[in-house]
Every structure is written in C-alpha cells, then in structure tokens.
C-alpha atoms as a PDB file:
ATOM      1  CA  MET A   1       0.000   0.000   0.000  1.00  0.00           C
ATOM      2  CA  ASN A   2       1.278   3.463  -0.909  1.00  0.00           C
ATOM      3  CA  VAL A   3       0.213   6.179   1.508  1.00  0.00           C
ATOM      4  CA  GLU A   4       0.794   9.916   1.458  1.00  0.00           C
ATOM      5  CA  LEU A   5       2.001  10.955   4.891  1.00  0.00           C
ATOM      6  CA  ASP A   6       2.855  14.263   6.512  1.00  0.00           C
ATOM      7  CA  VAL A   7       5.710  13.687   8.951  1.00  0.00           C
ATOM      8  CA  ASN A   8       7.554  16.538  10.657  1.00  0.00           C
ATOM      9  CA  GLY A   9       6.044  18.986   8.190  1.00  0.00           C
ATOM     10  CA  LEU A  10       7.182  17.055   5.117  1.00  0.00           C
ATOM     11  CA  SER A  11       4.762  15.290   2.773  1.00  0.00           C
ATOM     12  CA  TYR A  12       5.884  12.137   0.998  1.00  0.00           C
ATOM     13  CA  ILE A  13       4.702   8.738  -0.224  1.00  0.00           C
ATOM     14  CA  ALA A  14       5.478   5.789   2.054  1.00  0.00           C
ATOM     15  CA  THR A  15       5.106   2.159   1.005  1.00  0.00           C
ATOM     16  CA  PHE A  16       3.967  -0.628   3.341  1.00  0.00           C
ATOM     17  CA  PRO A  17       3.935  -4.257   2.142  1.00  0.00           C
ATOM     18  CA  ASP A  18       0.439  -5.750   1.965  1.00  0.00           C
ATOM     19  CA  LYS A  19       1.673  -8.814   3.857  1.00  0.00           C
ATOM     20  CA  ASP A  20       2.810  -6.653   6.784  1.00  0.00           C
ATOM     21  CA  ILE A  21      -0.544  -4.871   6.832  1.00  0.00           C
ATOM     22  CA  ARG A  22      -2.432  -8.182   6.877  1.00  0.00           C
ATOM     23  CA  ASP A  23      -0.186 -10.105   9.266  1.00  0.00           C
ATOM     24  CA  LEU A  24       1.203  -7.419  11.571  1.00  0.00           C
ATOM     25  CA  HIS A  25      -0.282  -3.934  11.502  1.00  0.00           C
ATOM     26  CA  LEU A  26      -3.999  -4.751  11.469  1.00  0.00           C
ATOM     27  CA  PRO A  27      -3.732  -7.581  14.043  1.00  0.00           C
ATOM     28  CA  LEU A  28      -1.775  -5.241  16.332  1.00  0.00           C
ATOM     29  CA  LEU A  29      -4.397  -2.508  16.018  1.00  0.00           C
ATOM     30  CA  ARG A  30      -7.167  -5.024  16.691  1.00  0.00           C
ATOM     31  CA  MET A  31      -5.391  -6.228  19.824  1.00  0.00           C
ATOM     32  CA  LEU A  32      -4.902  -2.665  21.092  1.00  0.00           C
ATOM     33  CA  THR A  33      -8.533  -1.851  20.300  1.00  0.00           C
ATOM     34  CA  GLU A  34      -9.787  -4.799  22.337  1.00  0.00           C
ATOM     35  CA  PHE A  35      -7.485  -3.926  25.211  1.00  0.00           C
ATOM     36  CA  GLN A  36      -8.706  -0.331  25.215  1.00  0.00           C
ATOM     37  CA  ARG A  37     -12.337  -1.465  25.216  1.00  0.00           C
ATOM     38  CA  ARG A  38     -11.695  -3.608  28.286  1.00  0.00           C
ATOM     39  CA  LYS A  39      -9.696  -0.895  30.022  1.00  0.00           C
ATOM     40  CA  LYS A  40     -12.427   1.713  29.370  1.00  0.00           C
ATOM     41  CA  GLN A  41      -9.966   4.585  29.379  1.00  0.00           C
ATOM     42  CA  ARG A  42      -7.135   5.788  27.182  1.00  0.00           C
ATOM     43  CA  LEU A  43      -4.561   3.175  26.280  1.00  0.00           C
ATOM     44  CA  ILE A  44      -0.948   4.359  26.519  1.00  0.00           C
ATOM     45  CA  VAL A  45       1.426   2.582  24.121  1.00  0.00           C
ATOM     46  CA  PHE A  46       5.178   3.220  24.029  1.00  0.00           C
ATOM     47  CA  LEU A  47       6.920   2.850  20.671  1.00  0.00           C
ATOM     48  CA  ALA A  48      10.688   2.970  21.164  1.00  0.00           C
ATOM     49  CA  ALA A  49      13.376   2.516  18.525  1.00  0.00           C
ATOM     50  CA  PRO A  50      16.768   3.882  17.485  1.00  0.00           C
ATOM     51  CA  PRO A  51      17.111   6.772  15.036  1.00  0.00           C
ATOM     52  CA  GLY A  52      16.503   5.797  11.421  1.00  0.00           C
ATOM     53  CA  VAL A  53      13.754   3.250  11.991  1.00  0.00           C
ATOM     54  CA  GLY A  54      10.934   5.582  10.969  1.00  0.00           C
ATOM     55  CA  LYS A  55       8.892   5.717  14.176  1.00  0.00           C
ATOM     56  CA  SER A  56       6.931   8.795  13.127  1.00  0.00           C
ATOM     57  CA  THR A  57       6.178   7.305   9.706  1.00  0.00           C
ATOM     58  CA  LEU A  58       4.928   4.068  11.232  1.00  0.00           C
ATOM     59  CA  THR A  59       2.806   5.859  13.821  1.00  0.00           C
ATOM     60  CA  SER A  60       1.256   8.059  11.131  1.00  0.00           C
ATOM     61  CA  PHE A  61       0.436   4.944   9.120  1.00  0.00           C
ATOM     62  CA  TRP A  62      -1.205   3.259  12.109  1.00  0.00           C
ATOM     63  CA  GLN A  63      -3.217   6.423  12.615  1.00  0.00           C
ATOM     64  CA  ILE A  64      -4.524   6.212   9.043  1.00  0.00           C
ATOM     65  CA  LEU A  65      -5.295   2.487   9.316  1.00  0.00           C
ATOM     66  CA  SER A  66      -7.202   2.997  12.555  1.00  0.00           C
ATOM     67  CA  ARG A  67      -9.467   5.515  10.827  1.00  0.00           C
ATOM     68  CA  GLN A  68     -10.165   3.352   7.786  1.00  0.00           C
ATOM     69  CA  ASP A  69     -11.779   0.520   9.759  1.00  0.00           C
ATOM     70  CA  MET A  70     -14.895   1.248  11.810  1.00  0.00           C
ATOM     71  CA  ASP A  71     -14.102  -1.713  14.079  1.00  0.00           C
ATOM     72  CA  LEU A  72     -10.834  -0.145  15.209  1.00  0.00           C
ATOM     73  CA  LYS A  73     -10.464   2.474  17.895  1.00  0.00           C
ATOM     74  CA  ASP A  74      -8.947   5.743  16.766  1.00  0.00           C
ATOM     75  CA  LEU A  75      -5.191   5.980  17.336  1.00  0.00           C
ATOM     76  CA  GLN A  76      -3.113   9.126  17.778  1.00  0.00           C
ATOM     77  CA  GLY A  77       0.669   9.454  17.683  1.00  0.00           C
ATOM     78  CA  LEU A  78       2.381  11.718  20.220  1.00  0.00           C
ATOM     79  CA  PRO A  79       6.104  12.313  19.573  1.00  0.00           C
ATOM     80  CA  MET A  80       8.674  12.717  22.333  1.00  0.00           C
ATOM     81  CA  ASP A  81      10.354  15.571  20.421  1.00  0.00           C
ATOM     82  CA  GLY A  82       8.408  18.188  22.384  1.00  0.00           C
ATOM     83  CA  PHE A  83      10.429  17.348  25.484  1.00  0.00           C
ATOM     84  CA  HIS A  84      13.728  18.590  24.070  1.00  0.00           C
ATOM     85  CA  ARG A  85      15.345  21.103  26.379  1.00  0.00           C
ATOM     86  CA  TYR A  86      15.291  24.652  25.069  1.00  0.00           C
ATOM     87  CA  ASN A  87      18.387  25.623  23.097  1.00  0.00           C
ATOM     88  CA  SER A  88      19.134  28.286  25.696  1.00  0.00           C
ATOM     89  CA  TYR A  89      19.368  25.527  28.322  1.00  0.00           C
ATOM     90  CA  LEU A  90      21.525  23.353  26.070  1.00  0.00           C
ATOM     91  CA  ASP A  91      23.899  26.260  25.414  1.00  0.00           C
ATOM     92  CA  GLU A  92      24.095  27.112  29.113  1.00  0.00           C
ATOM     93  CA  HIS A  93      24.993  23.497  29.970  1.00  0.00           C
ATOM     94  CA  ASN A  94      27.249  22.910  26.942  1.00  0.00           C
ATOM     95  CA  LEU A  95      24.869  20.267  25.533  1.00  0.00           C
ATOM     96  CA  ARG A  96      23.936  21.723  22.128  1.00  0.00           C
ATOM     97  CA  ALA A  97      26.279  19.345  20.275  1.00  0.00           C
ATOM     98  CA  ARG A  98      24.600  16.382  21.983  1.00  0.00           C
ATOM     99  CA  LYS A  99      21.025  17.433  21.227  1.00  0.00           C
ATOM    100  CA  GLY A 100      18.908  14.294  20.918  1.00  0.00           C
ATOM    101  CA  ALA A 101      20.766  12.347  23.617  1.00  0.00           C
ATOM    102  CA  PRO A 102      18.744  11.417  26.749  1.00  0.00           C
ATOM    103  CA  GLU A 103      20.350  14.131  28.871  1.00  0.00           C
ATOM    104  CA  THR A 104      19.043  16.807  26.470  1.00  0.00           C
ATOM    105  CA  PHE A 105      15.408  15.924  27.209  1.00  0.00           C
ATOM    106  CA  ASP A 106      13.307  17.153  30.134  1.00  0.00           C
ATOM    107  CA  LEU A 107      12.477  13.784  31.700  1.00  0.00           C
ATOM    108  CA  GLY A 108      10.561  15.305  34.605  1.00  0.00           C
ATOM    109  CA  LEU A 109       8.298  17.217  32.245  1.00  0.00           C
ATOM    110  CA  LEU A 110       7.685  14.059  30.196  1.00  0.00           C
ATOM    111  CA  LYS A 111       6.556  12.223  33.330  1.00  0.00           C
ATOM    112  CA  ASP A 112       4.283  15.129  34.241  1.00  0.00           C
ATOM    113  CA  TYR A 113       2.600  15.101  30.832  1.00  0.00           C
ATOM    114  CA  LEU A 114       2.208  11.322  30.820  1.00  0.00           C
ATOM    115  CA  ALA A 115       0.393  11.591  34.150  1.00  0.00           C
ATOM    116  CA  THR A 116      -2.245  13.906  32.605  1.00  0.00           C
ATOM    117  CA  LEU A 117      -3.179  11.799  29.556  1.00  0.00           C
ATOM    118  CA  GLN A 118      -6.347  10.393  31.109  1.00  0.00           C
ATOM    119  CA  GLN A 119      -7.759  13.888  31.533  1.00  0.00           C
ATOM    120  CA  PRO A 120     -10.422  14.802  28.929  1.00  0.00           C
ATOM    121  CA  ASP A 121      -8.696  18.098  28.118  1.00  0.00           C
ATOM    122  CA  ALA A 122      -5.148  16.679  27.949  1.00  0.00           C
ATOM    123  CA  ARG A 123      -2.577  18.446  25.796  1.00  0.00           C
ATOM    124  CA  TRP A 124       0.909  17.464  24.542  1.00  0.00           C
ATOM    125  CA  PRO A 125       3.975  19.519  23.539  1.00  0.00           C
ATOM    126  CA  ALA A 126       5.329  19.720  19.991  1.00  0.00           C
ATOM    127  CA  TYR A 127       8.747  20.478  18.562  1.00  0.00           C
ATOM    128  CA  ASP A 128       8.781  23.525  16.289  1.00  0.00           C
ATOM    129  CA  ARG A 129      11.257  22.816  13.476  1.00  0.00           C
ATOM    130  CA  ASN A 130      11.421  26.490  12.556  1.00  0.00           C
ATOM    131  CA  LEU A 131      12.209  27.661  16.075  1.00  0.00           C
ATOM    132  CA  HIS A 132      14.139  24.449  16.849  1.00  0.00           C
ATOM    133  CA  ASP A 133      12.570  24.575  20.292  1.00  0.00           C
ATOM    134  CA  PRO A 134       9.567  22.900  21.982  1.00  0.00           C
ATOM    135  CA  VAL A 135       6.130  24.483  22.244  1.00  0.00           C
ATOM    136  CA  HIS A 136       4.161  23.363  25.286  1.00  0.00           C
ATOM    137  CA  ASN A 137       0.500  22.267  25.014  1.00  0.00           C
ATOM    138  CA  ALA A 138       0.575  22.539  21.215  1.00  0.00           C
ATOM    139  CA  ILE A 139      -1.201  19.227  20.511  1.00  0.00           C
ATOM    140  CA  GLU A 140      -4.751  18.402  21.526  1.00  0.00           C
ATOM    141  CA  VAL A 141      -5.041  14.819  22.766  1.00  0.00           C
ATOM    142  CA  THR A 142      -8.221  13.341  21.289  1.00  0.00           C
ATOM    143  CA  SER A 143      -7.944   9.578  20.746  1.00  0.00           C
ATOM    144  CA  PRO A 144      -8.595   6.532  22.940  1.00  0.00           C
ATOM    145  CA  ILE A 145      -5.323   4.862  21.864  1.00  0.00           C
ATOM    146  CA  LEU A 146      -2.184   6.980  22.241  1.00  0.00           C
ATOM    147  CA  VAL A 147       1.172   5.914  20.815  1.00  0.00           C
ATOM    148  CA  ILE A 148       4.040   7.780  22.450  1.00  0.00           C
ATOM    149  CA  GLU A 149       7.060   7.439  20.151  1.00  0.00           C
ATOM    150  CA  GLY A 150      10.689   8.205  20.876  1.00  0.00           C
ATOM    151  CA  ASN A 151      14.182   6.809  21.114  1.00  0.00           C
ATOM    152  CA  TRP A 152      14.534   6.665  24.881  1.00  0.00           C
ATOM    153  CA  LEU A 153      11.175   5.514  26.243  1.00  0.00           C
ATOM    154  CA  LEU A 154      12.543   2.091  27.235  1.00  0.00           C
ATOM    155  CA  LEU A 155      16.031   3.235  28.192  1.00  0.00           C
ATOM    156  CA  LYS A 156      17.477   1.055  30.943  1.00  0.00           C
ATOM    157  CA  GLU A 157      19.187   3.872  32.803  1.00  0.00           C
ATOM    158  CA  PRO A 158      18.394   5.699  36.090  1.00  0.00           C
ATOM    159  CA  GLY A 159      15.335   7.918  35.845  1.00  0.00           C
ATOM    160  CA  TRP A 160      14.320   6.609  32.441  1.00  0.00           C
ATOM    161  CA  GLN A 161      13.821   2.994  33.429  1.00  0.00           C
ATOM    162  CA  GLU A 162      10.767   3.868  35.553  1.00  0.00           C
ATOM    163  CA  LEU A 163       8.914   5.269  32.536  1.00  0.00           C
ATOM    164  CA  ILE A 164       7.657   1.868  31.369  1.00  0.00           C
ATOM    165  CA  ALA A 165       5.344   1.707  34.407  1.00  0.00           C
ATOM    166  CA  LEU A 166       3.406   4.625  32.859  1.00  0.00           C
ATOM    167  CA  SER A 167       2.529   2.625  29.734  1.00  0.00           C
ATOM    168  CA  ASP A 168      -0.042  -0.111  29.120  1.00  0.00           C
ATOM    169  CA  TYR A 169       1.878  -1.755  26.282  1.00  0.00           C
ATOM    170  CA  SER A 170       5.350  -1.303  24.838  1.00  0.00           C
ATOM    171  CA  ILE A 171       6.788  -1.915  21.372  1.00  0.00           C
ATOM    172  CA  PHE A 172      10.465  -1.874  20.436  1.00  0.00           C
ATOM    173  CA  ILE A 173      11.846  -1.893  16.893  1.00  0.00           C
ATOM    174  CA  THR A 174      15.377  -3.091  16.288  1.00  0.00           C
ATOM    175  CA  SER A 175      17.438  -3.287  13.116  1.00  0.00           C
ATOM    176  CA  PRO A 176      21.039  -4.047  12.101  1.00  0.00           C
ATOM    177  CA  ILE A 177      23.142  -0.933  12.567  1.00  0.00           C
ATOM    178  CA  GLU A 178      24.355  -1.005   8.946  1.00  0.00           C
ATOM    179  CA  ASN A 179      20.732  -0.819   7.788  1.00  0.00           C
ATOM    180  CA  LEU A 180      20.108   2.183  10.038  1.00  0.00           C
ATOM    181  CA  LYS A 181      23.344   3.835   8.942  1.00  0.00           C
ATOM    182  CA  GLN A 182      22.254   3.720   5.308  1.00  0.00           C
ATOM    183  CA  ARG A 183      18.785   5.048   6.116  1.00  0.00           C
ATOM    184  CA  LEU A 184      20.165   7.917   8.198  1.00  0.00           C
ATOM    185  CA  ILE A 185      22.741   8.860   5.560  1.00  0.00           C
ATOM    186  CA  GLU A 186      20.023   8.923   2.900  1.00  0.00           C
ATOM    187  CA  ARG A 187      17.860  11.079   5.153  1.00  0.00           C
ATOM    188  CA  LYS A 188      20.668  13.635   5.589  1.00  0.00           C
ATOM    189  CA  MET A 189      21.393  13.644   1.868  1.00  0.00           C
ATOM    190  CA  LYS A 190      17.739  14.436   1.166  1.00  0.00           C
ATOM    191  CA  GLY A 191      18.263  17.414   3.450  1.00  0.00           C
ATOM    192  CA  GLY A 192      21.096  18.656   1.241  1.00  0.00           C
ATOM    193  CA  LEU A 193      24.269  17.136   2.699  1.00  0.00           C
ATOM    194  CA  SER A 194      26.861  15.397   0.552  1.00  0.00           C
ATOM    195  CA  TYR A 195      27.384  11.691   1.113  1.00  0.00           C
ATOM    196  CA  GLN A 196      30.664  12.347   2.941  1.00  0.00           C
ATOM    197  CA  ASP A 197      29.143  14.968   5.226  1.00  0.00           C
ATOM    198  CA  ALA A 198      26.156  12.723   5.933  1.00  0.00           C
ATOM    199  CA  GLU A 199      28.425   9.801   6.746  1.00  0.00           C
ATOM    200  CA  ASN A 200      30.549  11.984   9.040  1.00  0.00           C
ATOM    201  CA  PHE A 201      27.422  13.156  10.846  1.00  0.00           C
ATOM    202  CA  PHE A 202      26.374   9.557  11.358  1.00  0.00           C
ATOM    203  CA  GLU A 203      29.732   8.490  12.759  1.00  0.00           C
ATOM    204  CA  ASN A 204      30.017  11.506  15.081  1.00  0.00           C
ATOM    205  CA  SER A 205      26.413  11.793  16.255  1.00  0.00           C
ATOM    206  CA  ASP A 206      23.739   9.347  15.120  1.00  0.00           C
ATOM    207  CA  ALA A 207      25.853   6.214  15.630  1.00  0.00           C
ATOM    208  CA  LEU A 208      26.257   6.951  19.346  1.00  0.00           C
ATOM    209  CA  ASN A 209      22.508   7.272  19.842  1.00  0.00           C
ATOM    210  CA  VAL A 210      21.736   4.198  17.713  1.00  0.00           C
ATOM    211  CA  GLN A 211      24.106   2.036  19.733  1.00  0.00           C
ATOM    212  CA  ARG A 212      22.817   3.412  23.037  1.00  0.00           C
ATOM    213  CA  VAL A 213      19.220   2.580  22.144  1.00  0.00           C
ATOM    214  CA  LEU A 214      20.045  -0.885  20.804  1.00  0.00           C
ATOM    215  CA  ASN A 215      22.275  -1.827  23.734  1.00  0.00           C
ATOM    216  CA  ASN A 216      20.476  -0.174  26.665  1.00  0.00           C
ATOM    217  CA  SER A 217      16.733  -0.608  26.160  1.00  0.00           C
ATOM    218  CA  GLN A 218      14.437  -2.700  28.322  1.00  0.00           C
ATOM    219  CA  ARG A 219      12.556  -5.648  26.907  1.00  0.00           C
ATOM    220  CA  ALA A 220       9.250  -4.576  25.380  1.00  0.00           C
ATOM    221  CA  ASP A 221       5.944  -6.426  25.142  1.00  0.00           C
ATOM    222  CA  MET A 222       6.509  -6.626  21.384  1.00  0.00           C
ATOM    223  CA  THR A 223       9.816  -6.512  19.532  1.00  0.00           C
ATOM    224  CA  LEU A 224       9.926  -6.044  15.771  1.00  0.00           C
ATOM    225  CA  MET A 225      12.855  -6.195  13.376  1.00  0.00           C
ATOM    226  CA  LEU A 226      13.010  -3.637  10.572  1.00  0.00           C
ATOM    227  CA  LEU A 227      14.448  -5.401   7.529  1.00  0.00           C
ATOM    228  CA  PRO A 228      16.514  -3.723   4.780  1.00  0.00           C
ATOM    229  CA  ASP A 229      13.546  -3.813   2.362  1.00  0.00           C
ATOM    230  CA  GLY A 230      11.387  -1.828   4.809  1.00  0.00           C
ATOM    231  CA  SER A 231       9.265  -4.776   5.931  1.00  0.00           C
ATOM    232  CA  TYR A 232       9.084  -6.139   9.475  1.00  0.00           C
ATOM    233  CA  SER A 233       9.533  -9.465  11.177  1.00  0.00           C
ATOM    234  CA  THR A 234       8.260 -10.247  14.676  1.00  0.00           C
ATOM    235  CA  VAL A 235      11.050 -11.081  17.116  1.00  0.00           C
ATOM    236  CA  ASP A 236       9.009 -11.398  20.317  1.00  0.00           C
ATOM    237  CA  ILE A 237       5.431 -10.686  21.351  1.00  0.00           C
ATOM    238  CA  ASN A 238       3.311 -10.703  24.471  1.00  0.00           C
ATOM    239  CA  ILE A 239      -0.322 -11.123  23.410  1.00  0.00           C
ATOM    240  CA  LEU A 240      -2.706  -9.117  25.553  1.00  0.00           C
ATOM    241  CA  ASP A 241      -5.269 -11.388  27.193  1.00  0.00           C
END
C-alpha cells in the first residue's frame, strides 16, 4: 500500500507491504482496540526505537489504518520531540552538540505530561522545526489509543527505566546498525548534505545514539525487526489477554 504521509512537516509517499498490513499492523491494532475497550480509558502505548527506523512514519500509518476501519479504535501518535530542552538551556549546559541524547530531554516534564493523559482536556507539547525549540501544550489529545514514540522511552538507565510503568503496552523496533546507517545517511542527503558529510554526521552523532538505544533498552511487550527492504519481522510478542 502506498500512503501519502505528513511527517515533521514534510509530505511524501510511504510504502507498506500488503503482507505486513495483513499479518502485523492490522492484528496489532485489533489487539490494542480490544485492550482499550476492556480498560475503558485511554490506552498508553510506548513505541521505542533507534534513530533511522521511521517511528513517526509508522505511527502516522497506524493512525490512518485505525481511521479506515470502523471496528478499530482511533489511534493518535504523540512524539517525544516536544520534550527537548530549550536551546538556551543546552547552550548554558554545553549540551547543544549532543542534542537528541537522553540528557538533552526534560524527563521530569515528560513524566508530568504522561500523568495527565487520562484527563479529557489533555494536551501534549510539539517540537517547532522552525524555532528548533519545543512548544508546550501545542497538541490536543483526542484519541482513545495513544502511541508515544521516541528513542529513549525504554532506556534502561536511572530515571528513564521507571517510565515503562506509565505505559499499558510497549513496542520496540530493532534493526542491524548497517541498515540504520544507510537510512540515516540517505535522510541527511535528502536534506542537502553530501554523502561524505552525511556519513561523518552519522559516525560523530547518530551512531552513538543508535548504539545506546540498541544496547540499553528494556525488553518490550513486542519486539519487531526492521528489515533492509522496509518490511518487518516479529522477534518477540506478548499477546494481551
């Protein structure tokens, strides 16, 4: 299936194999729908993965699928990007060069927002890619199934490792680092960098975050493998009863 998506302000066509839709995506959405019906309040799902996997793209696709089938509960993606520290804070603490690492996010604020998601008037912050800073309360939370997506949601490090208790279900996507390297280089080249500059950026920045996510994340309820052709295989799954 080819789908036009708007991710981070950019519109493009994404392709999802029909087999994945039939065997993975729709069954997952059906399971989450049933769980939400039994819970009778908003379902909080964590989607964690290293850079380059395409978390925002996948969440946007799930959002579209959930609205095409009347039997599915509506799903809404909420990115973790809105919890970046302000650039003024990063500059003051000499962290600007490490922007995107766990220590450059406001973990306390993330926990505060997660605690409000059951409120009918809940809001969520967004990351303004023109200002390159977060904007608090920019997103209206409307759906019964909420997918929080970010790199560090399952990080097995002090402070972060308690986050999983605030979710109802967790999903982790892994992939060979060489696959992610190629995807991240291509992404930077689409943004105007030469291949050499994109590769240098990966080695000096992205690679550190990729390895940290892959090596220091807690086990999720569901683990998927992103394959080089863009399809997925299921590594591990805990079926919700």
